[in-house]
Structure formats: C-alpha cells, structure tokens
Amino acid sequence: MEFGEYIRSLREKRNLLLREMAANVNMDVAYLSKIERGNRMARREQVIAFAKELKEDENKLIKLWMSEQIVQMIKNEKDSTEILKIAEEKISKIVKKQ
C-alpha cells in the first residue's frame, strides 16, 4: 500500500473527514487530498503530524514514507535493484563506522 492510501485508510478508520484532519494537522484540504491520492509527497514534518493525529507509530509512518520516496527516485532506472543493493552496502558501512 502506498503512503497516501495508508494515510487515507487510517483517517477513514478513525472516522475523520478530510477537512477535519487537514485542520488538525494545519494543512490545506486540497493538499492533503493530493497526498492521499499520491499526487503529492508529504514532507517529514507532515508525516510526524499525521502520526500524532492518527495515533500511529511515527517510525512506521516515516519508514513507509521514506521507502516511497526512494521508489519514486529510482523506479524508472534500468538497474533499480542493483542501485538498491549498492545503497544498502553503503549504508551498512556507514552504520558500522558509527
């Protein structure tokens, strides 16, 4: 499930109208609607606001959001799987150094 779809499902599960949630996270209704439809990407601080408003695990939402950003960045690349493997190796090296 994509990030926006997941946010919509959480909002609907909690019986929140789009305009209610938008007001509660200090966001324009049209912008929230675009996020839910996958036409716009939320910013990190908005993801945190969603987590608080929807009483959802912040780390879980950030992981879903971030993974979607990565997919959007490399989805049209010929060697996207190889790119991910290289990135994973680089991240592993960085984590070991820390």
PDB file of N, CA and C in Angstrom:
ATOM      1  N   MET A   1       0.848  -1.181   0.000  1.00  0.00           N
ATOM      2  CA  MET A   1       0.000   0.000   0.000  1.00  0.00           C
ATOM      3  C   MET A   1       0.892   1.242   0.000  1.00  0.00           C
ATOM      4  N   GLU A   2       0.519   2.191  -0.816  1.00  0.00           N
ATOM      5  CA  GLU A   2       1.288   3.434  -0.888  1.00  0.00           C
ATOM      6  C   GLU A   2       0.986   4.319   0.324  1.00  0.00           C
ATOM      7  N   PHE A   3       1.901   5.233   0.589  1.00  0.00           N
ATOM      8  CA  PHE A   3       1.805   6.087   1.773  1.00  0.00           C
ATOM      9  C   PHE A   3       0.460   6.830   1.835  1.00  0.00           C
ATOM     10  N   GLY A   4       0.095   7.502   0.765  1.00  0.00           N
ATOM     11  CA  GLY A   4      -1.145   8.274   0.762  1.00  0.00           C
ATOM     12  C   GLY A   4      -2.376   7.411   0.997  1.00  0.00           C
ATOM     13  N   GLU A   5      -2.407   6.248   0.372  1.00  0.00           N
ATOM     14  CA  GLU A   5      -3.521   5.322   0.576  1.00  0.00           C
ATOM     15  C   GLU A   5      -3.590   4.877   2.037  1.00  0.00           C
ATOM     16  N   TYR A   6      -2.419   4.654   2.616  1.00  0.00           N
ATOM     17  CA  TYR A   6      -2.369   4.223   4.008  1.00  0.00           C
ATOM     18  C   TYR A   6      -2.891   5.323   4.938  1.00  0.00           C
ATOM     19  N   ILE A   7      -2.485   6.556   4.677  1.00  0.00           N
ATOM     20  CA  ILE A   7      -2.972   7.687   5.480  1.00  0.00           C
ATOM     21  C   ILE A   7      -4.487   7.786   5.363  1.00  0.00           C
ATOM     22  N   ARG A   8      -5.002   7.668   4.146  1.00  0.00           N
ATOM     23  CA  ARG A   8      -6.454   7.733   3.950  1.00  0.00           C
ATOM     24  C   ARG A   8      -7.152   6.616   4.719  1.00  0.00           C
ATOM     25  N   SER A   9      -6.611   5.408   4.653  1.00  0.00           N
ATOM     26  CA  SER A   9      -7.263   4.290   5.351  1.00  0.00           C
ATOM     27  C   SER A   9      -7.270   4.511   6.859  1.00  0.00           C
ATOM     28  N   LEU A  10      -6.178   5.040   7.406  1.00  0.00           N
ATOM     29  CA  LEU A  10      -6.137   5.344   8.839  1.00  0.00           C
ATOM     30  C   LEU A  10      -7.147   6.439   9.201  1.00  0.00           C
ATOM     31  N   ARG A  11      -7.201   7.463   8.361  1.00  0.00           N
ATOM     32  CA  ARG A  11      -8.135   8.568   8.616  1.00  0.00           C
ATOM     33  C   ARG A  11      -9.580   8.067   8.596  1.00  0.00           C
ATOM     34  N   GLU A  12      -9.894   7.262   7.596  1.00  0.00           N
ATOM     35  CA  GLU A  12     -11.258   6.749   7.475  1.00  0.00           C
ATOM     36  C   GLU A  12     -11.598   5.789   8.612  1.00  0.00           C
ATOM     37  N   LYS A  13     -10.616   4.982   9.042  1.00  0.00           N
ATOM     38  CA  LYS A  13     -10.829   4.053  10.146  1.00  0.00           C
ATOM     39  C   LYS A  13     -11.191   4.815  11.415  1.00  0.00           C
ATOM     40  N   ARG A  14     -10.644   6.023  11.556  1.00  0.00           N
ATOM     41  CA  ARG A  14     -10.911   6.847  12.735  1.00  0.00           C
ATOM     42  C   ARG A  14     -12.084   7.803  12.521  1.00  0.00           C
ATOM     43  N   ASN A  15     -12.792   7.603  11.397  1.00  0.00           N
ATOM     44  CA  ASN A  15     -13.979   8.403  11.068  1.00  0.00           C
ATOM     45  C   ASN A  15     -13.701   9.903  11.053  1.00  0.00           C
ATOM     46  N   LEU A  16     -12.528  10.276  10.544  1.00  0.00           N
ATOM     47  CA  LEU A  16     -12.183  11.682  10.392  1.00  0.00           C
ATOM     48  C   LEU A  16     -12.470  12.122   8.967  1.00  0.00           C
ATOM     49  N   LEU A  17     -13.149  13.224   8.827  1.00  0.00           N
ATOM     50  CA  LEU A  17     -13.340  13.795   7.500  1.00  0.00           C
ATOM     51  C   LEU A  17     -12.035  14.413   7.029  1.00  0.00           C
ATOM     52  N   LEU A  18     -11.883  14.506   5.732  1.00  0.00           N
ATOM     53  CA  LEU A  18     -10.677  15.092   5.155  1.00  0.00           C
ATOM     54  C   LEU A  18     -10.453  16.493   5.717  1.00  0.00           C
ATOM     55  N   ARG A  19     -11.504  17.289   5.784  1.00  0.00           N
ATOM     56  CA  ARG A  19     -11.359  18.666   6.266  1.00  0.00           C
ATOM     57  C   ARG A  19     -10.997  18.718   7.746  1.00  0.00           C
ATOM     58  N   GLU A  20     -11.482  17.742   8.533  1.00  0.00           N
ATOM     59  CA  GLU A  20     -11.141  17.697   9.956  1.00  0.00           C
ATOM     60  C   GLU A  20      -9.653  17.401  10.145  1.00  0.00           C
ATOM     61  N   MET A  21      -9.191  16.393   9.427  1.00  0.00           N
ATOM     62  CA  MET A  21      -7.778  16.039   9.575  1.00  0.00           C
ATOM     63  C   MET A  21      -6.886  17.153   9.065  1.00  0.00           C
ATOM     64  N   ALA A  22      -7.255  17.741   7.939  1.00  0.00           N
ATOM     65  CA  ALA A  22      -6.456  18.839   7.393  1.00  0.00           C
ATOM     66  C   ALA A  22      -6.341  19.968   8.417  1.00  0.00           C
ATOM     67  N   ALA A  23      -7.430  20.315   9.042  1.00  0.00           N
ATOM     68  CA  ALA A  23      -7.415  21.384  10.047  1.00  0.00           C
ATOM     69  C   ALA A  23      -6.556  20.985  11.252  1.00  0.00           C
ATOM     70  N   ASN A  24      -6.653  19.730  11.660  1.00  0.00           N
ATOM     71  CA  ASN A  24      -5.916  19.254  12.835  1.00  0.00           C
ATOM     72  C   ASN A  24      -4.404  19.179  12.615  1.00  0.00           C
ATOM     73  N   VAL A  25      -3.988  19.028  11.357  1.00  0.00           N
ATOM     74  CA  VAL A  25      -2.547  18.984  11.069  1.00  0.00           C
ATOM     75  C   VAL A  25      -2.073  20.272  10.393  1.00  0.00           C
ATOM     76  N   ASN A  26      -2.954  21.282  10.414  1.00  0.00           N
ATOM     77  CA  ASN A  26      -2.624  22.601   9.869  1.00  0.00           C
ATOM     78  C   ASN A  26      -2.206  22.528   8.397  1.00  0.00           C
ATOM     79  N   MET A  27      -3.098  21.937   7.595  1.00  0.00           N
ATOM     80  CA  MET A  27      -2.807  21.725   6.190  1.00  0.00           C
ATOM     81  C   MET A  27      -4.049  22.062   5.363  1.00  0.00           C
ATOM     82  N   ASP A  28      -3.817  22.518   4.169  1.00  0.00           N
ATOM     83  CA  ASP A  28      -4.901  22.785   3.233  1.00  0.00           C
ATOM     84  C   ASP A  28      -5.580  21.471   2.842  1.00  0.00           C
ATOM     85  N   VAL A  29      -6.899  21.475   2.765  1.00  0.00           N
ATOM     86  CA  VAL A  29      -7.660  20.270   2.420  1.00  0.00           C
ATOM     87  C   VAL A  29      -7.234  19.721   1.059  1.00  0.00           C
ATOM     88  N   ALA A  30      -7.067  20.585   0.086  1.00  0.00           N
ATOM     89  CA  ALA A  30      -6.682  20.141  -1.259  1.00  0.00           C
ATOM     90  C   ALA A  30      -5.311  19.476  -1.246  1.00  0.00           C
ATOM     91  N   TYR A  31      -4.393  20.006  -0.452  1.00  0.00           N
ATOM     92  CA  TYR A  31      -3.045  19.431  -0.376  1.00  0.00           C
ATOM     93  C   TYR A  31      -3.087  18.047   0.267  1.00  0.00           C
ATOM     94  N   LEU A  32      -3.851  17.904   1.350  1.00  0.00           N
ATOM     95  CA  LEU A  32      -3.991  16.601   1.991  1.00  0.00           C
ATOM     96  C   LEU A  32      -4.625  15.601   1.038  1.00  0.00           C
ATOM     97  N   SER A  33      -5.611  16.045   0.299  1.00  0.00           N
ATOM     98  CA  SER A  33      -6.255  15.179  -0.684  1.00  0.00           C
ATOM     99  C   SER A  33      -5.257  14.695  -1.734  1.00  0.00           C
ATOM    100  N   LYS A  34      -4.382  15.580  -2.185  1.00  0.00           N
ATOM    101  CA  LYS A  34      -3.362  15.205  -3.176  1.00  0.00           C
ATOM    102  C   LYS A  34      -2.368  14.200  -2.587  1.00  0.00           C
ATOM    103  N   ILE A  35      -2.028  14.353  -1.313  1.00  0.00           N
ATOM    104  CA  ILE A  35      -1.144  13.395  -0.651  1.00  0.00           C
ATOM    105  C   ILE A  35      -1.818  12.027  -0.613  1.00  0.00           C
ATOM    106  N   GLU A  36      -3.076  12.008  -0.207  1.00  0.00           N
ATOM    107  CA  GLU A  36      -3.801  10.745  -0.111  1.00  0.00           C
ATOM    108  C   GLU A  36      -3.956  10.058  -1.472  1.00  0.00           C
ATOM    109  N   ARG A  37      -4.083  10.837  -2.520  1.00  0.00           N
ATOM    110  CA  ARG A  37      -4.226  10.264  -3.874  1.00  0.00           C
ATOM    111  C   ARG A  37      -2.882   9.929  -4.515  1.00  0.00           C
ATOM    112  N   GLY A  38      -1.790  10.307  -3.856  1.00  0.00           N
ATOM    113  CA  GLY A  38      -0.466  10.013  -4.395  1.00  0.00           C
ATOM    114  C   GLY A  38       0.023  11.020  -5.414  1.00  0.00           C
ATOM    115  N   ASN A  39      -0.634  12.171  -5.498  1.00  0.00           N
ATOM    116  CA  ASN A  39      -0.228  13.214  -6.439  1.00  0.00           C
ATOM    117  C   ASN A  39       0.823  14.153  -5.863  1.00  0.00           C
ATOM    118  N   ARG A  40       0.986  14.136  -4.543  1.00  0.00           N
ATOM    119  CA  ARG A  40       1.987  14.954  -3.849  1.00  0.00           C
ATOM    120  C   ARG A  40       2.642  14.117  -2.772  1.00  0.00           C
ATOM    121  N   MET A  41       3.886  14.453  -2.462  1.00  0.00           N
ATOM    122  CA  MET A  41       4.569  13.792  -1.359  1.00  0.00           C
ATOM    123  C   MET A  41       4.540  14.706  -0.143  1.00  0.00           C
ATOM    124  N   ALA A  42       4.260  14.108   0.983  1.00  0.00           N
ATOM    125  CA  ALA A  42       4.286  14.859   2.236  1.00  0.00           C
ATOM    126  C   ALA A  42       5.735  15.156   2.609  1.00  0.00           C
ATOM    127  N   ARG A  43       5.920  16.172   3.423  1.00  0.00           N
ATOM    128  CA  ARG A  43       7.242  16.449   3.995  1.00  0.00           C
ATOM    129  C   ARG A  43       7.355  15.696   5.326  1.00  0.00           C
ATOM    130  N   ARG A  44       8.565  15.526   5.783  1.00  0.00           N
ATOM    131  CA  ARG A  44       8.807  14.752   7.006  1.00  0.00           C
ATOM    132  C   ARG A  44       7.996  15.288   8.190  1.00  0.00           C
ATOM    133  N   GLU A  45       7.979  16.605   8.357  1.00  0.00           N
ATOM    134  CA  GLU A  45       7.243  17.167   9.495  1.00  0.00           C
ATOM    135  C   GLU A  45       5.739  16.906   9.376  1.00  0.00           C
ATOM    136  N   GLN A  46       5.237  16.800   8.149  1.00  0.00           N
ATOM    137  CA  GLN A  46       3.833  16.467   7.950  1.00  0.00           C
ATOM    138  C   GLN A  46       3.569  15.006   8.321  1.00  0.00           C
ATOM    139  N   VAL A  47       4.508  14.141   8.002  1.00  0.00           N
ATOM    140  CA  VAL A  47       4.379  12.724   8.364  1.00  0.00           C
ATOM    141  C   VAL A  47       4.308  12.591   9.882  1.00  0.00           C
ATOM    142  N   ILE A  48       5.119  13.345  10.579  1.00  0.00           N
ATOM    143  CA  ILE A  48       5.107  13.326  12.050  1.00  0.00           C
ATOM    144  C   ILE A  48       3.761  13.826  12.573  1.00  0.00           C
ATOM    145  N   ALA A  49       3.234  14.878  11.945  1.00  0.00           N
ATOM    146  CA  ALA A  49       1.922  15.407  12.344  1.00  0.00           C
ATOM    147  C   ALA A  49       0.825  14.369  12.087  1.00  0.00           C
ATOM    148  N   PHE A  50       0.913  13.659  10.964  1.00  0.00           N
ATOM    149  CA  PHE A  50      -0.058  12.596  10.672  1.00  0.00           C
ATOM    150  C   PHE A  50      -0.012  11.531  11.758  1.00  0.00           C
ATOM    151  N   ALA A  51       1.192  11.135  12.141  1.00  0.00           N
ATOM    152  CA  ALA A  51       1.352  10.088  13.158  1.00  0.00           C
ATOM    153  C   ALA A  51       0.682  10.511  14.470  1.00  0.00           C
ATOM    154  N   LYS A  52       0.890  11.743  14.865  1.00  0.00           N
ATOM    155  CA  LYS A  52       0.286  12.234  16.108  1.00  0.00           C
ATOM    156  C   LYS A  52      -1.234  12.290  15.999  1.00  0.00           C
ATOM    157  N   GLU A  53      -1.709  12.838  14.899  1.00  0.00           N
ATOM    158  CA  GLU A  53      -3.152  12.982  14.714  1.00  0.00           C
ATOM    159  C   GLU A  53      -3.855  11.629  14.626  1.00  0.00           C
ATOM    160  N   LEU A  54      -3.217  10.686  13.955  1.00  0.00           N
ATOM    161  CA  LEU A  54      -3.841   9.378  13.726  1.00  0.00           C
ATOM    162  C   LEU A  54      -3.470   8.357  14.799  1.00  0.00           C
ATOM    163  N   LYS A  55      -2.676   8.797  15.799  1.00  0.00           N
ATOM    164  CA  LYS A  55      -2.223   7.919  16.884  1.00  0.00           C
ATOM    165  C   LYS A  55      -1.584   6.658  16.310  1.00  0.00           C
ATOM    166  N   GLU A  56      -0.682   6.886  15.382  1.00  0.00           N
ATOM    167  CA  GLU A  56       0.029   5.812  14.682  1.00  0.00           C
ATOM    168  C   GLU A  56       1.510   5.905  15.040  1.00  0.00           C
ATOM    169  N   ASP A  57       2.208   4.788  14.979  1.00  0.00           N
ATOM    170  CA  ASP A  57       3.633   4.759  15.274  1.00  0.00           C
ATOM    171  C   ASP A  57       4.388   5.647  14.284  1.00  0.00           C
ATOM    172  N   GLU A  58       5.063   6.659  14.808  1.00  0.00           N
ATOM    173  CA  GLU A  58       5.782   7.622  13.978  1.00  0.00           C
ATOM    174  C   GLU A  58       6.847   6.942  13.125  1.00  0.00           C
ATOM    175  N   ASN A  59       7.615   6.036  13.714  1.00  0.00           N
ATOM    176  CA  ASN A  59       8.676   5.353  12.966  1.00  0.00           C
ATOM    177  C   ASN A  59       8.116   4.536  11.810  1.00  0.00           C
ATOM    178  N   LYS A  60       6.994   3.894  12.034  1.00  0.00           N
ATOM    179  CA  LYS A  60       6.360   3.103  10.980  1.00  0.00           C
ATOM    180  C   LYS A  60       5.970   3.995   9.797  1.00  0.00           C
ATOM    181  N   LEU A  61       5.354   5.135  10.096  1.00  0.00           N
ATOM    182  CA  LEU A  61       4.950   6.049   9.025  1.00  0.00           C
ATOM    183  C   LEU A  61       6.150   6.634   8.296  1.00  0.00           C
ATOM    184  N   ILE A  62       7.194   6.975   9.035  1.00  0.00           N
ATOM    185  CA  ILE A  62       8.389   7.538   8.404  1.00  0.00           C
ATOM    186  C   ILE A  62       9.040   6.503   7.491  1.00  0.00           C
ATOM    187  N   LYS A  63       9.095   5.251   7.931  1.00  0.00           N
ATOM    188  CA  LYS A  63       9.671   4.198   7.081  1.00  0.00           C
ATOM    189  C   LYS A  63       8.874   4.033   5.793  1.00  0.00           C
ATOM    190  N   LEU A  64       7.557   4.005   5.905  1.00  0.00           N
ATOM    191  CA  LEU A  64       6.709   3.859   4.718  1.00  0.00           C
ATOM    192  C   LEU A  64       6.896   5.050   3.781  1.00  0.00           C
ATOM    193  N   TRP A  65       6.905   6.254   4.354  1.00  0.00           N
ATOM    194  CA  TRP A  65       7.072   7.480   3.571  1.00  0.00           C
ATOM    195  C   TRP A  65       8.433   7.520   2.884  1.00  0.00           C
ATOM    196  N   MET A  66       9.476   7.203   3.637  1.00  0.00           N
ATOM    197  CA  MET A  66      10.820   7.256   3.087  1.00  0.00           C
ATOM    198  C   MET A  66      11.018   6.203   1.998  1.00  0.00           C
ATOM    199  N   SER A  67      10.495   5.013   2.211  1.00  0.00           N
ATOM    200  CA  SER A  67      10.628   3.970   1.196  1.00  0.00           C
ATOM    201  C   SER A  67       9.931   4.380  -0.091  1.00  0.00           C
ATOM    202  N   GLU A  68       8.811   5.065   0.036  1.00  0.00           N
ATOM    203  CA  GLU A  68       8.112   5.540  -1.161  1.00  0.00           C
ATOM    204  C   GLU A  68       8.929   6.604  -1.895  1.00  0.00           C
ATOM    205  N   GLN A  69       9.618   7.455  -1.139  1.00  0.00           N
ATOM    206  CA  GLN A  69      10.474   8.451  -1.780  1.00  0.00           C
ATOM    207  C   GLN A  69      11.584   7.781  -2.572  1.00  0.00           C
ATOM    208  N   ILE A  70      12.168   6.741  -2.006  1.00  0.00           N
ATOM    209  CA  ILE A  70      13.233   6.010  -2.700  1.00  0.00           C
ATOM    210  C   ILE A  70      12.688   5.370  -3.974  1.00  0.00           C
ATOM    211  N   VAL A  71      11.530   4.757  -3.872  1.00  0.00           N
ATOM    212  CA  VAL A  71      10.913   4.129  -5.046  1.00  0.00           C
ATOM    213  C   VAL A  71      10.681   5.170  -6.134  1.00  0.00           C
ATOM    214  N   GLN A  72      10.127   6.315  -5.766  1.00  0.00           N
ATOM    215  CA  GLN A  72       9.867   7.365  -6.753  1.00  0.00           C
ATOM    216  C   GLN A  72      11.158   7.831  -7.428  1.00  0.00           C
ATOM    217  N   MET A  73      12.239   7.834  -6.667  1.00  0.00           N
ATOM    218  CA  MET A  73      13.514   8.308  -7.194  1.00  0.00           C
ATOM    219  C   MET A  73      14.120   7.341  -8.211  1.00  0.00           C
ATOM    220  N   ILE A  74      13.966   6.037  -7.991  1.00  0.00           N
ATOM    221  CA  ILE A  74      14.687   5.082  -8.845  1.00  0.00           C
ATOM    222  C   ILE A  74      13.788   4.175  -9.679  1.00  0.00           C
ATOM    223  N   LYS A  75      12.482   4.338  -9.598  1.00  0.00           N
ATOM    224  CA  LYS A  75      11.574   3.392 -10.261  1.00  0.00           C
ATOM    225  C   LYS A  75      11.779   3.298 -11.773  1.00  0.00           C
ATOM    226  N   ASN A  76      12.229   4.343 -12.402  1.00  0.00           N
ATOM    227  CA  ASN A  76      12.395   4.318 -13.852  1.00  0.00           C
ATOM    228  C   ASN A  76      13.827   4.026 -14.299  1.00  0.00           C
ATOM    229  N   GLU A  77      14.687   3.737 -13.341  1.00  0.00           N
ATOM    230  CA  GLU A  77      16.069   3.409 -13.670  1.00  0.00           C
ATOM    231  C   GLU A  77      16.163   1.959 -14.129  1.00  0.00           C
ATOM    232  N   LYS A  78      17.020   1.723 -15.096  1.00  0.00           N
ATOM    233  CA  LYS A  78      17.169   0.389 -15.661  1.00  0.00           C
ATOM    234  C   LYS A  78      17.622  -0.626 -14.607  1.00  0.00           C
ATOM    235  N   ASP A  79      18.531  -0.254 -13.761  1.00  0.00           N
ATOM    236  CA  ASP A  79      19.116  -1.164 -12.780  1.00  0.00           C
ATOM    237  C   ASP A  79      18.702  -0.812 -11.360  1.00  0.00           C
ATOM    238  N   SER A  80      17.413  -0.598 -11.137  1.00  0.00           N
ATOM    239  CA  SER A  80      16.956  -0.131  -9.830  1.00  0.00           C
ATOM    240  C   SER A  80      17.288  -1.107  -8.705  1.00  0.00           C
ATOM    241  N   THR A  81      17.191  -2.398  -8.942  1.00  0.00           N
ATOM    242  CA  THR A  81      17.510  -3.377  -7.906  1.00  0.00           C
ATOM    243  C   THR A  81      18.987  -3.325  -7.554  1.00  0.00           C
ATOM    244  N   GLU A  82      19.825  -3.196  -8.549  1.00  0.00           N
ATOM    245  CA  GLU A  82      21.269  -3.087  -8.306  1.00  0.00           C
ATOM    246  C   GLU A  82      21.594  -1.802  -7.547  1.00  0.00           C
ATOM    247  N   ILE A  83      20.921  -0.729  -7.894  1.00  0.00           N
ATOM    248  CA  ILE A  83      21.115   0.548  -7.200  1.00  0.00           C
ATOM    249  C   ILE A  83      20.782   0.386  -5.718  1.00  0.00           C
ATOM    250  N   LEU A  84      19.678  -0.292  -5.419  1.00  0.00           N
ATOM    251  CA  LEU A  84      19.299  -0.518  -4.027  1.00  0.00           C
ATOM    252  C   LEU A  84      20.331  -1.359  -3.283  1.00  0.00           C
ATOM    253  N   LYS A  85      20.879  -2.363  -3.945  1.00  0.00           N
ATOM    254  CA  LYS A  85      21.897  -3.205  -3.309  1.00  0.00           C
ATOM    255  C   LYS A  85      23.148  -2.397  -2.985  1.00  0.00           C
ATOM    256  N   ILE A  86      23.564  -1.557  -3.905  1.00  0.00           N
ATOM    257  CA  ILE A  86      24.739  -0.713  -3.681  1.00  0.00           C
ATOM    258  C   ILE A  86      24.479   0.251  -2.518  1.00  0.00           C
ATOM    259  N   ALA A  87      23.290   0.844  -2.513  1.00  0.00           N
ATOM    260  CA  ALA A  87      22.930   1.768  -1.430  1.00  0.00           C
ATOM    261  C   ALA A  87      22.916   1.044  -0.086  1.00  0.00           C
ATOM    262  N   GLU A  88      22.404  -0.169  -0.069  1.00  0.00           N
ATOM    263  CA  GLU A  88      22.361  -0.948   1.166  1.00  0.00           C
ATOM    264  C   GLU A  88      23.772  -1.227   1.685  1.00  0.00           C
ATOM    265  N   GLU A  89      24.677  -1.563   0.781  1.00  0.00           N
ATOM    266  CA  GLU A  89      26.068  -1.799   1.173  1.00  0.00           C
ATOM    267  C   GLU A  89      26.692  -0.532   1.755  1.00  0.00           C
ATOM    268  N   LYS A  90      26.448   0.591   1.118  1.00  0.00           N
ATOM    269  CA  LYS A  90      26.989   1.859   1.606  1.00  0.00           C
ATOM    270  C   LYS A  90      26.442   2.198   2.980  1.00  0.00           C
ATOM    271  N   ILE A  91      25.149   1.989   3.166  1.00  0.00           N
ATOM    272  CA  ILE A  91      24.529   2.272   4.466  1.00  0.00           C
ATOM    273  C   ILE A  91      25.100   1.369   5.537  1.00  0.00           C
ATOM    274  N   SER A  92      25.310   0.100   5.219  1.00  0.00           N
ATOM    275  CA  SER A  92      25.896  -0.841   6.179  1.00  0.00           C
ATOM    276  C   SER A  92      27.287  -0.365   6.628  1.00  0.00           C
ATOM    277  N   LYS A  93      28.087   0.121   5.686  1.00  0.00           N
ATOM    278  CA  LYS A  93      29.417   0.630   6.033  1.00  0.00           C
ATOM    279  C   LYS A  93      29.322   1.853   6.944  1.00  0.00           C
ATOM    280  N   ILE A  94      28.403   2.737   6.639  1.00  0.00           N
ATOM    281  CA  ILE A  94      28.225   3.949   7.450  1.00  0.00           C
ATOM    282  C   ILE A  94      27.801   3.569   8.871  1.00  0.00           C
ATOM    283  N   VAL A  95      26.860   2.648   8.986  1.00  0.00           N
ATOM    284  CA  VAL A  95      26.370   2.232  10.296  1.00  0.00           C
ATOM    285  C   VAL A  95      27.476   1.577  11.117  1.00  0.00           C
ATOM    286  N   LYS A  96      28.310   0.755  10.457  1.00  0.00           N
ATOM    287  CA  LYS A  96      29.424   0.100  11.161  1.00  0.00           C
ATOM    288  C   LYS A  96      30.412   1.119  11.704  1.00  0.00           C
ATOM    289  N   LYS A  97      30.643   2.203  10.961  1.00  0.00           N
ATOM    290  CA  LYS A  97      31.584   3.241  11.410  1.00  0.00           C
ATOM    291  C   LYS A  97      31.060   3.991  12.629  1.00  0.00           C
ATOM    292  N   GLN A  98      29.763   4.088  12.738  1.00  0.00           N
ATOM    293  CA  GLN A  98      29.161   4.820  13.849  1.00  0.00           C
ATOM    294  C   GLN A  98      29.210   3.955  15.062  1.00  0.00           C
TER     295      GLN A  98
END
